[in-house]
C-alpha atoms as a PDB file:
ATOM      1  CA  MET A   1      -0.061   0.161  -0.188  1.00  0.00           C
ATOM      2  CA  THR A   2       1.206   3.499  -1.116  1.00  0.00           C
ATOM      3  CA  THR A   3       1.128   6.449   1.371  1.00  0.00           C
ATOM      4  CA  THR A   4      -1.391   8.444  -0.649  1.00  0.00           C
ATOM      5  CA  GLU A   5      -3.623   4.917   0.069  1.00  0.00           C
ATOM      6  CA  LYS A   6      -2.710   5.323   3.267  1.00  0.00           C
ATOM      7  CA  ILE A   7      -3.303   9.066   3.629  1.00  0.00           C
ATOM      8  CA  ALA A   8      -6.666   8.379   1.682  1.00  0.00           C
ATOM      9  CA  ASN A   9      -7.865   5.346   3.895  1.00  0.00           C
ATOM     10  CA  ALA A  10      -7.347   7.318   7.314  1.00  0.00           C
ATOM     11  CA  LYS A  11      -9.297  10.266   5.735  1.00  0.00           C
ATOM     12  CA  LYS A  12     -11.947   8.488   4.520  1.00  0.00           C
ATOM     13  CA  ARG A  13     -11.543   6.921   8.426  1.00  0.00           C
ATOM     14  CA  ILE A  14     -11.629  10.363   9.843  1.00  0.00           C
ATOM     15  CA  ASP A  15     -14.936  11.170   8.352  1.00  0.00           C
ATOM     16  CA  GLU A  16     -17.248   8.498   9.583  1.00  0.00           C
ATOM     17  CA  LEU A  17     -15.904   9.211  13.404  1.00  0.00           C
ATOM     18  CA  GLU A  18     -16.742  12.482  13.069  1.00  0.00           C
ATOM     19  CA  ARG A  19     -19.977  11.624  11.410  1.00  0.00           C
ATOM     20  CA  LEU A  20     -20.259   9.698  14.075  1.00  0.00           C
ATOM     21  CA  ILE A  21     -19.668  11.837  16.570  1.00  0.00           C
ATOM     22  CA  LYS A  22     -21.848  14.463  14.786  1.00  0.00           C
ATOM     23  CA  LEU A  23     -24.708  11.548  15.083  1.00  0.00           C
ATOM     24  CA  TRP A  24     -23.805  10.404  18.853  1.00  0.00           C
ATOM     25  CA  ASN A  25     -24.299  14.366  20.000  1.00  0.00           C
ATOM     26  CA  ASN A  26     -27.563  14.761  18.246  1.00  0.00           C
ATOM     27  CA  SER A  27     -28.944  11.254  20.007  1.00  0.00           C
ATOM     28  CA  GLU A  28     -27.760  12.651  23.237  1.00  0.00           C
ATOM     29  CA  GLN A  29     -29.853  16.076  22.204  1.00  0.00           C
ATOM     30  CA  ASP A  30     -32.858  14.414  21.155  1.00  0.00           C
ATOM     31  CA  GLU A  31     -32.270  11.500  23.835  1.00  0.00           C
ATOM     32  CA  SER A  32     -32.608  14.781  26.866  1.00  0.00           C
ATOM     33  CA  LYS A  33     -35.491  17.043  24.887  1.00  0.00           C
ATOM     34  CA  VAL A  34     -37.488  13.149  25.126  1.00  0.00           C
ATOM     35  CA  ASN A  35     -36.766  12.879  29.146  1.00  0.00           C
ATOM     36  CA  PHE A  36     -37.530  15.553  29.557  1.00  0.00           C
ATOM     37  CA  THR A  37     -40.856  16.049  27.903  1.00  0.00           C
ATOM     38  CA  MET A  38     -41.039  12.875  29.923  1.00  0.00           C
ATOM     39  CA  ASN A  39     -40.845  14.537  33.812  1.00  0.00           C
ATOM     40  CA  ILE A  40     -43.147  16.792  32.219  1.00  0.00           C
ATOM     41  CA  GLN A  41     -45.860  14.432  31.207  1.00  0.00           C
ATOM     42  CA  ASN A  42     -45.382  12.612  34.471  1.00  0.00           C
ATOM     43  CA  LYS A  43     -46.002  16.163  36.923  1.00  0.00           C
ATOM     44  CA  VAL A  44     -48.477  16.871  34.595  1.00  0.00           C
ATOM     45  CA  ALA A  45     -49.914  13.727  35.298  1.00  0.00           C
END
């Protein structure tokens, strides 16, 4: 494997990791919204 191929593969992995991090951050925010609304509903009921 040439250096150029190694660099290309590394860039692909970095891009994949960045996408996973964004998805993870978004899912954590969504979960906190869900938990917040569930807590409000429980207090109202």
